[in-house]
Amino acid sequence: MKCPNCQYDPTMSEIQRSPADCVKCGIHYDAFYKQQAEKAAQSASAPEVSGALANYPGARPVVVMDINMSFGSMVRFMVKWAIASIPALLILFLLLVGLSSVFKVLMMLLR
């Protein structure tokens, strides 16, 4: 088997002595192929995924196929979501009131 790194073709005795490593350049074949596969996967992925993989060494992309929740867990989740949305709705309401009052003052000034 030729070395994928240096293209050295070892003799049978060298293969028997060191079957997983290149006797010339010293690379470990499995580690080399794993590193090449990771580079290929990283270059083929979206820029967001590549950035995340660069920032978090050892991270792997995940695809969520299904979320399996019991009915009770789903109800609790939805209630918490509804309660958490109340402050956001209040903030939006205050912004709407503030903007409408600003427009009202502007309209009065333009008359």
PDB file of N, CA and C in Angstrom:
ATOM      1  N   MET A   1       0.845  -1.181   0.000  1.00  0.00           N
ATOM      2  CA  MET A   1       0.000   0.000   0.000  1.00  0.00           C
ATOM      3  C   MET A   1       0.886   1.239   0.000  1.00  0.00           C
ATOM      4  N   LYS A   2       0.604   2.160  -0.910  1.00  0.00           N
ATOM      5  CA  LYS A   2       1.371   3.398  -0.985  1.00  0.00           C
ATOM      6  C   LYS A   2       0.941   4.337   0.127  1.00  0.00           C
ATOM      7  N   CYS A   3       1.896   5.091   0.621  1.00  0.00           N
ATOM      8  CA  CYS A   3       1.603   6.101   1.635  1.00  0.00           C
ATOM      9  C   CYS A   3       0.833   7.243   0.977  1.00  0.00           C
ATOM     10  N   PRO A   4      -0.300   7.653   1.554  1.00  0.00           N
ATOM     11  CA  PRO A   4      -1.065   8.736   0.951  1.00  0.00           C
ATOM     12  C   PRO A   4      -0.400  10.102   1.106  1.00  0.00           C
ATOM     13  N   ASN A   5       0.565  10.203   1.995  1.00  0.00           N
ATOM     14  CA  ASN A   5       1.228  11.478   2.239  1.00  0.00           C
ATOM     15  C   ASN A   5       2.467  11.653   1.357  1.00  0.00           C
ATOM     16  N   CYS A   6       3.371  10.664   1.383  1.00  0.00           N
ATOM     17  CA  CYS A   6       4.643  10.807   0.652  1.00  0.00           C
ATOM     18  C   CYS A   6       4.747   9.889  -0.559  1.00  0.00           C
ATOM     19  N   GLN A   7       3.734   9.062  -0.807  1.00  0.00           N
ATOM     20  CA  GLN A   7       3.676   8.146  -1.958  1.00  0.00           C
ATOM     21  C   GLN A   7       4.757   7.065  -1.913  1.00  0.00           C
ATOM     22  N   TYR A   8       5.304   6.798  -0.729  1.00  0.00           N
ATOM     23  CA  TYR A   8       6.310   5.744  -0.595  1.00  0.00           C
ATOM     24  C   TYR A   8       5.607   4.390  -0.621  1.00  0.00           C
ATOM     25  N   ASP A   9       6.189   3.448  -1.371  1.00  0.00           N
ATOM     26  CA  ASP A   9       5.635   2.096  -1.472  1.00  0.00           C
ATOM     27  C   ASP A   9       6.504   1.177  -0.615  1.00  0.00           C
ATOM     28  N   PRO A  10       6.045   0.823   0.590  1.00  0.00           N
ATOM     29  CA  PRO A  10       6.892   0.036   1.498  1.00  0.00           C
ATOM     30  C   PRO A  10       7.032  -1.422   1.044  1.00  0.00           C
ATOM     31  N   THR A  11       8.109  -2.042   1.503  1.00  0.00           N
ATOM     32  CA  THR A  11       8.323  -3.458   1.216  1.00  0.00           C
ATOM     33  C   THR A  11       7.447  -4.284   2.154  1.00  0.00           C
ATOM     34  N   MET A  12       7.351  -5.581   1.877  1.00  0.00           N
ATOM     35  CA  MET A  12       6.514  -6.466   2.694  1.00  0.00           C
ATOM     36  C   MET A  12       7.011  -6.519   4.135  1.00  0.00           C
ATOM     37  N   SER A  13       8.317  -6.520   4.344  1.00  0.00           N
ATOM     38  CA  SER A  13       8.837  -6.569   5.711  1.00  0.00           C
ATOM     39  C   SER A  13       8.521  -5.273   6.468  1.00  0.00           C
ATOM     40  N   GLU A  14       8.558  -4.139   5.753  1.00  0.00           N
ATOM     41  CA  GLU A  14       8.212  -2.862   6.395  1.00  0.00           C
ATOM     42  C   GLU A  14       6.726  -2.815   6.756  1.00  0.00           C
ATOM     43  N   ILE A  15       5.881  -3.383   5.892  1.00  0.00           N
ATOM     44  CA  ILE A  15       4.445  -3.434   6.190  1.00  0.00           C
ATOM     45  C   ILE A  15       4.186  -4.304   7.398  1.00  0.00           C
ATOM     46  N   GLN A  16       4.893  -5.461   7.495  1.00  0.00           N
ATOM     47  CA  GLN A  16       4.707  -6.355   8.643  1.00  0.00           C
ATOM     48  C   GLN A  16       5.206  -5.723   9.934  1.00  0.00           C
ATOM     49  N   ARG A  17       6.274  -4.964   9.834  1.00  0.00           N
ATOM     50  CA  ARG A  17       6.852  -4.304  10.998  1.00  0.00           C
ATOM     51  C   ARG A  17       5.958  -3.169  11.503  1.00  0.00           C
ATOM     52  N   SER A  18       5.387  -2.398  10.578  1.00  0.00           N
ATOM     53  CA  SER A  18       4.584  -1.232  10.935  1.00  0.00           C
ATOM     54  C   SER A  18       3.392  -1.136   9.982  1.00  0.00           C
ATOM     55  N   PRO A  19       2.315  -1.903  10.233  1.00  0.00           N
ATOM     56  CA  PRO A  19       1.201  -1.928   9.281  1.00  0.00           C
ATOM     57  C   PRO A  19       0.349  -0.668   9.274  1.00  0.00           C
ATOM     58  N   ALA A  20       0.333   0.105  10.345  1.00  0.00           N
ATOM     59  CA  ALA A  20      -0.546   1.267  10.432  1.00  0.00           C
ATOM     60  C   ALA A  20       0.178   2.588  10.219  1.00  0.00           C
ATOM     61  N   ASP A  21       1.515   2.545  10.083  1.00  0.00           N
ATOM     62  CA  ASP A  21       2.301   3.764   9.944  1.00  0.00           C
ATOM     63  C   ASP A  21       3.204   3.675   8.716  1.00  0.00           C
ATOM     64  N   CYS A  22       3.520   4.840   8.152  1.00  0.00           N
ATOM     65  CA  CYS A  22       4.479   4.913   7.053  1.00  0.00           C
ATOM     66  C   CYS A  22       5.884   4.898   7.653  1.00  0.00           C
ATOM     67  N   VAL A  23       6.734   4.021   7.126  1.00  0.00           N
ATOM     68  CA  VAL A  23       8.085   3.936   7.672  1.00  0.00           C
ATOM     69  C   VAL A  23       8.965   5.092   7.205  1.00  0.00           C
ATOM     70  N   LYS A  24       8.579   5.753   6.112  1.00  0.00           N
ATOM     71  CA  LYS A  24       9.388   6.847   5.587  1.00  0.00           C
ATOM     72  C   LYS A  24       9.046   8.179   6.254  1.00  0.00           C
ATOM     73  N   CYS A  25       7.754   8.571   6.232  1.00  0.00           N
ATOM     74  CA  CYS A  25       7.395   9.888   6.783  1.00  0.00           C
ATOM     75  C   CYS A  25       6.778   9.794   8.187  1.00  0.00           C
ATOM     76  N   GLY A  26       6.373   8.604   8.617  1.00  0.00           N
ATOM     77  CA  GLY A  26       5.920   8.406   9.984  1.00  0.00           C
ATOM     78  C   GLY A  26       4.460   8.725  10.269  1.00  0.00           C
ATOM     79  N   ILE A  27       3.660   9.013   9.238  1.00  0.00           N
ATOM     80  CA  ILE A  27       2.253   9.317   9.520  1.00  0.00           C
ATOM     81  C   ILE A  27       1.487   8.046   9.850  1.00  0.00           C
ATOM     82  N   HIS A  28       0.429   8.205  10.611  1.00  0.00           N
ATOM     83  CA  HIS A  28      -0.489   7.108  10.914  1.00  0.00           C
ATOM     84  C   HIS A  28      -1.599   7.161   9.865  1.00  0.00           C
ATOM     85  N   TYR A  29      -1.802   6.083   9.144  1.00  0.00           N
ATOM     86  CA  TYR A  29      -2.729   6.085   8.011  1.00  0.00           C
ATOM     87  C   TYR A  29      -4.156   6.452   8.429  1.00  0.00           C
ATOM     88  N   ASP A  30      -4.657   5.851   9.490  1.00  0.00           N
ATOM     89  CA  ASP A  30      -6.037   6.130   9.918  1.00  0.00           C
ATOM     90  C   ASP A  30      -6.214   7.596  10.302  1.00  0.00           C
ATOM     91  N   ALA A  31      -5.248   8.142  11.030  1.00  0.00           N
ATOM     92  CA  ALA A  31      -5.333   9.550  11.432  1.00  0.00           C
ATOM     93  C   ALA A  31      -5.274  10.459  10.207  1.00  0.00           C
ATOM     94  N   PHE A  32      -4.450  10.097   9.223  1.00  0.00           N
ATOM     95  CA  PHE A  32      -4.338  10.903   8.007  1.00  0.00           C
ATOM     96  C   PHE A  32      -5.665  10.909   7.250  1.00  0.00           C
ATOM     97  N   TYR A  33      -6.277   9.724   7.078  1.00  0.00           N
ATOM     98  CA  TYR A  33      -7.548   9.651   6.359  1.00  0.00           C
ATOM     99  C   TYR A  33      -8.671  10.353   7.119  1.00  0.00           C
ATOM    100  N   LYS A  34      -8.650  10.263   8.430  1.00  0.00           N
ATOM    101  CA  LYS A  34      -9.661  10.948   9.236  1.00  0.00           C
ATOM    102  C   LYS A  34      -9.520  12.464   9.091  1.00  0.00           C
ATOM    103  N   GLN A  35      -8.286  12.951   9.124  1.00  0.00           N
ATOM    104  CA  GLN A  35      -8.038  14.381   8.979  1.00  0.00           C
ATOM    105  C   GLN A  35      -8.452  14.864   7.589  1.00  0.00           C
ATOM    106  N   GLN A  36      -8.178  14.079   6.562  1.00  0.00           N
ATOM    107  CA  GLN A  36      -8.580  14.450   5.204  1.00  0.00           C
ATOM    108  C   GLN A  36     -10.105  14.494   5.084  1.00  0.00           C
ATOM    109  N   ALA A  37     -10.806  13.537   5.694  1.00  0.00           N
ATOM    110  CA  ALA A  37     -12.269  13.507   5.649  1.00  0.00           C
ATOM    111  C   ALA A  37     -12.856  14.710   6.375  1.00  0.00           C
ATOM    112  N   GLU A  38     -12.259  15.085   7.511  1.00  0.00           N
ATOM    113  CA  GLU A  38     -12.741  16.250   8.251  1.00  0.00           C
ATOM    114  C   GLU A  38     -12.541  17.531   7.445  1.00  0.00           C
ATOM    115  N   LYS A  39     -11.402  17.657   6.774  1.00  0.00           N
ATOM    116  CA  LYS A  39     -11.157  18.832   5.945  1.00  0.00           C
ATOM    117  C   LYS A  39     -12.155  18.905   4.799  1.00  0.00           C
ATOM    118  N   ALA A  40     -12.428  17.761   4.173  1.00  0.00           N
ATOM    119  CA  ALA A  40     -13.371  17.728   3.061  1.00  0.00           C
ATOM    120  C   ALA A  40     -14.779  18.072   3.534  1.00  0.00           C
ATOM    121  N   ALA A  41     -15.177  17.543   4.684  1.00  0.00           N
ATOM    122  CA  ALA A  41     -16.512  17.836   5.218  1.00  0.00           C
ATOM    123  C   ALA A  41     -16.623  19.296   5.613  1.00  0.00           C
ATOM    124  N   GLN A  42     -15.563  19.851   6.154  1.00  0.00           N
ATOM    125  CA  GLN A  42     -15.592  21.247   6.586  1.00  0.00           C
ATOM    126  C   GLN A  42     -15.652  22.191   5.389  1.00  0.00           C
ATOM    127  N   SER A  43     -14.951  21.867   4.327  1.00  0.00           N
ATOM    128  CA  SER A  43     -14.962  22.744   3.162  1.00  0.00           C
ATOM    129  C   SER A  43     -16.264  22.622   2.383  1.00  0.00           C
ATOM    130  N   ALA A  44     -16.953  21.494   2.498  1.00  0.00           N
ATOM    131  CA  ALA A  44     -18.203  21.288   1.761  1.00  0.00           C
ATOM    132  C   ALA A  44     -19.411  21.827   2.505  1.00  0.00           C
ATOM    133  N   SER A  45     -19.259  22.198   3.764  1.00  0.00           N
ATOM    134  CA  SER A  45     -20.404  22.641   4.554  1.00  0.00           C
ATOM    135  C   SER A  45     -20.640  24.143   4.381  1.00  0.00           C
ATOM    136  N   ALA A  46     -21.765  24.585   4.910  1.00  0.00           N
ATOM    137  CA  ALA A  46     -22.139  25.999   4.838  1.00  0.00           C
ATOM    138  C   ALA A  46     -21.145  26.848   5.629  1.00  0.00           C
ATOM    139  N   PRO A  47     -21.029  28.143   5.298  1.00  0.00           N
ATOM    140  CA  PRO A  47     -20.079  29.001   6.027  1.00  0.00           C
ATOM    141  C   PRO A  47     -20.382  29.093   7.519  1.00  0.00           C
ATOM    142  N   GLU A  48     -21.670  29.058   7.870  1.00  0.00           N
ATOM    143  CA  GLU A  48     -22.019  29.128   9.297  1.00  0.00           C
ATOM    144  C   GLU A  48     -21.513  27.898  10.035  1.00  0.00           C
ATOM    145  N   VAL A  49     -21.636  26.740   9.401  1.00  0.00           N
ATOM    146  CA  VAL A  49     -21.179  25.499  10.027  1.00  0.00           C
ATOM    147  C   VAL A  49     -19.661  25.501  10.121  1.00  0.00           C
ATOM    148  N   SER A  50     -18.997  25.947   9.068  1.00  0.00           N
ATOM    149  CA  SER A  50     -17.526  25.998   9.088  1.00  0.00           C
ATOM    150  C   SER A  50     -17.035  26.928  10.190  1.00  0.00           C
ATOM    151  N   GLY A  51     -17.708  28.065  10.363  1.00  0.00           N
ATOM    152  CA  GLY A  51     -17.323  28.995  11.426  1.00  0.00           C
ATOM    153  C   GLY A  51     -17.516  28.394  12.803  1.00  0.00           C
ATOM    154  N   ALA A  52     -18.624  27.688  12.986  1.00  0.00           N
ATOM    155  CA  ALA A  52     -18.883  27.060  14.284  1.00  0.00           C
ATOM    156  C   ALA A  52     -17.874  25.956  14.560  1.00  0.00           C
ATOM    157  N   LEU A  53     -17.527  25.188  13.538  1.00  0.00           N
ATOM    158  CA  LEU A  53     -16.549  24.117  13.731  1.00  0.00           C
ATOM    159  C   LEU A  53     -15.170  24.689  14.037  1.00  0.00           C
ATOM    160  N   ALA A  54     -14.850  25.839  13.464  1.00  0.00           N
ATOM    161  CA  ALA A  54     -13.557  26.461  13.737  1.00  0.00           C
ATOM    162  C   ALA A  54     -13.502  27.017  15.155  1.00  0.00           C
ATOM    163  N   ASN A  55     -14.630  27.544  15.651  1.00  0.00           N
ATOM    164  CA  ASN A  55     -14.665  28.131  16.990  1.00  0.00           C
ATOM    165  C   ASN A  55     -14.759  27.089  18.090  1.00  0.00           C
ATOM    166  N   TYR A  56     -15.322  25.927  17.778  1.00  0.00           N
ATOM    167  CA  TYR A  56     -15.515  24.883  18.782  1.00  0.00           C
ATOM    168  C   TYR A  56     -14.848  23.602  18.298  1.00  0.00           C
ATOM    169  N   PRO A  57     -13.573  23.405  18.616  1.00  0.00           N
ATOM    170  CA  PRO A  57     -12.885  22.207  18.147  1.00  0.00           C
ATOM    171  C   PRO A  57     -13.566  20.953  18.707  1.00  0.00           C
ATOM    172  N   GLY A  58     -13.728  19.983  17.854  1.00  0.00           N
ATOM    173  CA  GLY A  58     -14.377  18.743  18.258  1.00  0.00           C
ATOM    174  C   GLY A  58     -15.876  18.744  18.029  1.00  0.00           C
ATOM    175  N   ALA A  59     -16.440  19.892  17.668  1.00  0.00           N
ATOM    176  CA  ALA A  59     -17.877  19.971  17.419  1.00  0.00           C
ATOM    177  C   ALA A  59     -18.213  19.278  16.115  1.00  0.00           C
ATOM    178  N   ARG A  60     -19.401  18.712  16.050  1.00  0.00           N
ATOM    179  CA  ARG A  60     -19.876  18.039  14.845  1.00  0.00           C
ATOM    180  C   ARG A  60     -21.239  18.584  14.477  1.00  0.00           C
ATOM    181  N   PRO A  61     -21.518  18.773  13.186  1.00  0.00           N
ATOM    182  CA  PRO A  61     -22.847  19.235  12.782  1.00  0.00           C
ATOM    183  C   PRO A  61     -23.907  18.182  13.091  1.00  0.00           C
ATOM    184  N   VAL A  62     -25.100  18.655  13.446  1.00  0.00           N
ATOM    185  CA  VAL A  62     -26.196  17.762  13.814  1.00  0.00           C
ATOM    186  C   VAL A  62     -27.428  18.148  13.010  1.00  0.00           C
ATOM    187  N   VAL A  63     -28.155  17.158  12.547  1.00  0.00           N
ATOM    188  CA  VAL A  63     -29.419  17.379  11.864  1.00  0.00           C
ATOM    189  C   VAL A  63     -30.516  16.775  12.720  1.00  0.00           C
ATOM    190  N   VAL A  64     -31.493  17.602  13.124  1.00  0.00           N
ATOM    191  CA  VAL A  64     -32.600  17.120  13.947  1.00  0.00           C
ATOM    192  C   VAL A  64     -33.679  16.597  13.011  1.00  0.00           C
ATOM    193  N   MET A  65     -34.009  15.331  13.157  1.00  0.00           N
ATOM    194  CA  MET A  65     -34.997  14.702  12.281  1.00  0.00           C
ATOM    195  C   MET A  65     -36.391  14.722  12.905  1.00  0.00           C
ATOM    196  N   ASP A  66     -36.487  14.660  14.223  1.00  0.00           N
ATOM    197  CA  ASP A  66     -37.786  14.561  14.873  1.00  0.00           C
ATOM    198  C   ASP A  66     -37.643  14.983  16.332  1.00  0.00           C
ATOM    199  N   ILE A  67     -38.712  15.552  16.865  1.00  0.00           N
ATOM    200  CA  ILE A  67     -38.774  15.865  18.290  1.00  0.00           C
ATOM    201  C   ILE A  67     -39.922  15.061  18.858  1.00  0.00           C
ATOM    202  N   ASN A  68     -39.619  14.200  19.784  1.00  0.00           N
ATOM    203  CA  ASN A  68     -40.632  13.333  20.363  1.00  0.00           C
ATOM    204  C   ASN A  68     -40.885  13.776  21.799  1.00  0.00           C
ATOM    205  N   MET A  69     -42.027  14.455  22.031  1.00  0.00           N
ATOM    206  CA  MET A  69     -42.379  14.948  23.358  1.00  0.00           C
ATOM    207  C   MET A  69     -43.736  14.391  23.741  1.00  0.00           C
ATOM    208  N   SER A  70     -43.882  14.114  25.014  1.00  0.00           N
ATOM    209  CA  SER A  70     -45.203  13.691  25.478  1.00  0.00           C
ATOM    210  C   SER A  70     -46.141  14.896  25.476  1.00  0.00           C
ATOM    211  N   PHE A  71     -47.442  14.629  25.532  1.00  0.00           N
ATOM    212  CA  PHE A  71     -48.419  15.708  25.482  1.00  0.00           C
ATOM    213  C   PHE A  71     -48.254  16.654  26.670  1.00  0.00           C
ATOM    214  N   GLY A  72     -48.039  16.106  27.857  1.00  0.00           N
ATOM    215  CA  GLY A  72     -47.856  16.930  29.051  1.00  0.00           C
ATOM    216  C   GLY A  72     -46.644  17.842  28.940  1.00  0.00           C
ATOM    217  N   SER A  73     -45.538  17.318  28.417  1.00  0.00           N
ATOM    218  CA  SER A  73     -44.334  18.128  28.240  1.00  0.00           C
ATOM    219  C   SER A  73     -44.578  19.228  27.223  1.00  0.00           C
ATOM    220  N   MET A  74     -45.323  18.903  26.174  1.00  0.00           N
ATOM    221  CA  MET A  74     -45.619  19.903  25.146  1.00  0.00           C
ATOM    222  C   MET A  74     -46.488  21.024  25.717  1.00  0.00           C
ATOM    223  N   VAL A  75     -47.476  20.675  26.552  1.00  0.00           N
ATOM    224  CA  VAL A  75     -48.354  21.683  27.159  1.00  0.00           C
ATOM    225  C   VAL A  75     -47.545  22.587  28.077  1.00  0.00           C
ATOM    226  N   ARG A  76     -46.681  22.009  28.927  1.00  0.00           N
ATOM    227  CA  ARG A  76     -45.848  22.816  29.829  1.00  0.00           C
ATOM    228  C   ARG A  76     -44.950  23.758  29.027  1.00  0.00           C
ATOM    229  N   PHE A  77     -44.360  23.249  27.941  1.00  0.00           N
ATOM    230  CA  PHE A  77     -43.498  24.068  27.097  1.00  0.00           C
ATOM    231  C   PHE A  77     -44.277  25.234  26.500  1.00  0.00           C
ATOM    232  N   MET A  78     -45.485  24.986  25.997  1.00  0.00           N
ATOM    233  CA  MET A  78     -46.281  26.044  25.370  1.00  0.00           C
ATOM    234  C   MET A  78     -46.738  27.080  26.402  1.00  0.00           C
ATOM    235  N   VAL A  79     -47.068  26.646  27.622  1.00  0.00           N
ATOM    236  CA  VAL A  79     -47.470  27.587  28.677  1.00  0.00           C
ATOM    237  C   VAL A  79     -46.284  28.482  29.045  1.00  0.00           C
ATOM    238  N   LYS A  80     -45.111  27.896  29.192  1.00  0.00           N
ATOM    239  CA  LYS A  80     -43.920  28.691  29.503  1.00  0.00           C
ATOM    240  C   LYS A  80     -43.619  29.681  28.385  1.00  0.00           C
ATOM    241  N   TRP A  81     -43.806  29.256  27.147  1.00  0.00           N
ATOM    242  CA  TRP A  81     -43.576  30.120  25.998  1.00  0.00           C
ATOM    243  C   TRP A  81     -44.559  31.288  26.005  1.00  0.00           C
ATOM    244  N   ALA A  82     -45.818  31.006  26.326  1.00  0.00           N
ATOM    245  CA  ALA A  82     -46.832  32.066  26.375  1.00  0.00           C
ATOM    246  C   ALA A  82     -46.517  33.069  27.485  1.00  0.00           C
ATOM    247  N   ILE A  83     -46.106  32.566  28.647  1.00  0.00           N
ATOM    248  CA  ILE A  83     -45.778  33.458  29.765  1.00  0.00           C
ATOM    249  C   ILE A  83     -44.545  34.306  29.425  1.00  0.00           C
ATOM    250  N   ALA A  84     -43.572  33.706  28.763  1.00  0.00           N
ATOM    251  CA  ALA A  84     -42.362  34.443  28.401  1.00  0.00           C
ATOM    252  C   ALA A  84     -42.640  35.503  27.343  1.00  0.00           C
ATOM    253  N   SER A  85     -43.711  35.362  26.572  1.00  0.00           N
ATOM    254  CA  SER A  85     -44.009  36.339  25.522  1.00  0.00           C
ATOM    255  C   SER A  85     -44.704  37.590  26.066  1.00  0.00           C
ATOM    256  N   ILE A  86     -45.220  37.549  27.294  1.00  0.00           N
ATOM    257  CA  ILE A  86     -45.927  38.704  27.862  1.00  0.00           C
ATOM    258  C   ILE A  86     -45.022  39.932  27.957  1.00  0.00           C
ATOM    259  N   PRO A  87     -43.807  39.847  28.507  1.00  0.00           N
ATOM    260  CA  PRO A  87     -42.944  41.043  28.535  1.00  0.00           C
ATOM    261  C   PRO A  87     -42.633  41.577  27.136  1.00  0.00           C
ATOM    262  N   ALA A  88     -42.448  40.675  26.182  1.00  0.00           N
ATOM    263  CA  ALA A  88     -42.168  41.132  24.813  1.00  0.00           C
ATOM    264  C   ALA A  88     -43.363  41.892  24.250  1.00  0.00           C
ATOM    265  N   LEU A  89     -44.569  41.417  24.509  1.00  0.00           N
ATOM    266  CA  LEU A  89     -45.767  42.106  24.027  1.00  0.00           C
ATOM    267  C   LEU A  89     -45.928  43.472  24.695  1.00  0.00           C
ATOM    268  N   LEU A  90     -45.604  43.561  25.987  1.00  0.00           N
ATOM    269  CA  LEU A  90     -45.663  44.844  26.683  1.00  0.00           C
ATOM    270  C   LEU A  90     -44.673  45.845  26.086  1.00  0.00           C
ATOM    271  N   ILE A  91     -43.476  45.376  25.785  1.00  0.00           N
ATOM    272  CA  ILE A  91     -42.477  46.261  25.187  1.00  0.00           C
ATOM    273  C   ILE A  91     -42.943  46.742  23.821  1.00  0.00           C
ATOM    274  N   LEU A  92     -43.480  45.845  23.014  1.00  0.00           N
ATOM    275  CA  LEU A  92     -43.995  46.243  21.698  1.00  0.00           C
ATOM    276  C   LEU A  92     -45.148  47.232  21.823  1.00  0.00           C
ATOM    277  N   PHE A  93     -46.034  47.019  22.792  1.00  0.00           N
ATOM    278  CA  PHE A  93     -47.142  47.937  23.011  1.00  0.00           C
ATOM    279  C   PHE A  93     -46.635  49.323  23.382  1.00  0.00           C
ATOM    280  N   LEU A  94     -45.651  49.382  24.299  1.00  0.00           N
ATOM    281  CA  LEU A  94     -45.093  50.668  24.701  1.00  0.00           C
ATOM    282  C   LEU A  94     -44.403  51.372  23.529  1.00  0.00           C
ATOM    283  N   LEU A  95     -43.714  50.630  22.701  1.00  0.00           N
ATOM    284  CA  LEU A  95     -43.097  51.225  21.523  1.00  0.00           C
ATOM    285  C   LEU A  95     -44.147  51.775  20.562  1.00  0.00           C
ATOM    286  N   LEU A  96     -45.211  51.031  20.376  1.00  0.00           N
ATOM    287  CA  LEU A  96     -46.282  51.481  19.487  1.00  0.00           C
ATOM    288  C   LEU A  96     -46.930  52.754  20.021  1.00  0.00           C
ATOM    289  N   VAL A  97     -47.214  52.808  21.328  1.00  0.00           N
ATOM    290  CA  VAL A  97     -47.803  54.003  21.932  1.00  0.00           C
ATOM    291  C   VAL A  97     -46.839  55.183  21.810  1.00  0.00           C
ATOM    292  N   GLY A  98     -45.554  54.938  22.068  1.00  0.00           N
ATOM    293  CA  GLY A  98     -44.562  56.004  21.968  1.00  0.00           C
ATOM    294  C   GLY A  98     -44.431  56.538  20.552  1.00  0.00           C
ATOM    295  N   LEU A  99     -44.386  55.651  19.573  1.00  0.00           N
ATOM    296  CA  LEU A  99     -44.272  56.098  18.185  1.00  0.00           C
ATOM    297  C   LEU A  99     -45.528  56.829  17.722  1.00  0.00           C
ATOM    298  N   SER A 100     -46.680  56.344  18.143  1.00  0.00           N
ATOM    299  CA  SER A 100     -47.910  57.032  17.728  1.00  0.00           C
ATOM    300  C   SER A 100     -47.999  58.420  18.351  1.00  0.00           C
ATOM    301  N   SER A 101     -47.534  58.588  19.592  1.00  0.00           N
ATOM    302  CA  SER A 101     -47.552  59.914  20.209  1.00  0.00           C
ATOM    303  C   SER A 101     -46.556  60.849  19.518  1.00  0.00           C
ATOM    304  N   VAL A 102     -45.402  60.312  19.096  1.00  0.00           N
ATOM    305  CA  VAL A 102     -44.425  61.121  18.371  1.00  0.00           C
ATOM    306  C   VAL A 102     -45.025  61.580  17.045  1.00  0.00           C
ATOM    307  N   PHE A 103     -45.679  60.696  16.324  1.00  0.00           N
ATOM    308  CA  PHE A 103     -46.312  61.068  15.057  1.00  0.00           C
ATOM    309  C   PHE A 103     -47.443  62.064  15.267  1.00  0.00           C
ATOM    310  N   LYS A 104     -48.163  61.911  16.367  1.00  0.00           N
ATOM    311  CA  LYS A 104     -49.256  62.843  16.671  1.00  0.00           C
ATOM    312  C   LYS A 104     -48.701  64.246  16.893  1.00  0.00           C
ATOM    313  N   VAL A 105     -47.606  64.353  17.659  1.00  0.00           N
ATOM    314  CA  VAL A 105     -46.979  65.647  17.910  1.00  0.00           C
ATOM    315  C   VAL A 105     -46.447  66.231  16.597  1.00  0.00           C
ATOM    316  N   LEU A 106     -45.837  65.416  15.773  1.00  0.00           N
ATOM    317  CA  LEU A 106     -45.329  65.899  14.489  1.00  0.00           C
ATOM    318  C   LEU A 106     -46.456  66.410  13.597  1.00  0.00           C
ATOM    319  N   MET A 107     -47.570  65.721  13.586  1.00  0.00           N
ATOM    320  CA  MET A 107     -48.694  66.145  12.769  1.00  0.00           C
ATOM    321  C   MET A 107     -49.274  67.470  13.276  1.00  0.00           C
ATOM    322  N   MET A 108     -49.291  67.640  14.599  1.00  0.00           N
ATOM    323  CA  MET A 108     -49.799  68.902  15.177  1.00  0.00           C
ATOM    324  C   MET A 108     -48.873  70.069  14.835  1.00  0.00           C
ATOM    325  N   LEU A 109     -47.551  69.799  14.786  1.00  0.00           N
ATOM    326  CA  LEU A 109     -46.582  70.830  14.465  1.00  0.00           C
ATOM    327  C   LEU A 109     -46.624  71.219  12.989  1.00  0.00           C
ATOM    328  N   LEU A 110     -46.980  70.301  12.133  1.00  0.00           N
ATOM    329  CA  LEU A 110     -47.007  70.571  10.712  1.00  0.00           C
ATOM    330  C   LEU A 110     -48.280  71.302  10.279  1.00  0.00           C
ATOM    331  N   ARG A 111     -49.295  71.371  11.067  1.00  0.00           N
ATOM    332  CA  ARG A 111     -50.535  72.068  10.714  1.00  0.00           C
ATOM    333  C   ARG A 111     -50.361  73.520  10.669  1.00  0.00           C
TER     334      ARG A 111
END
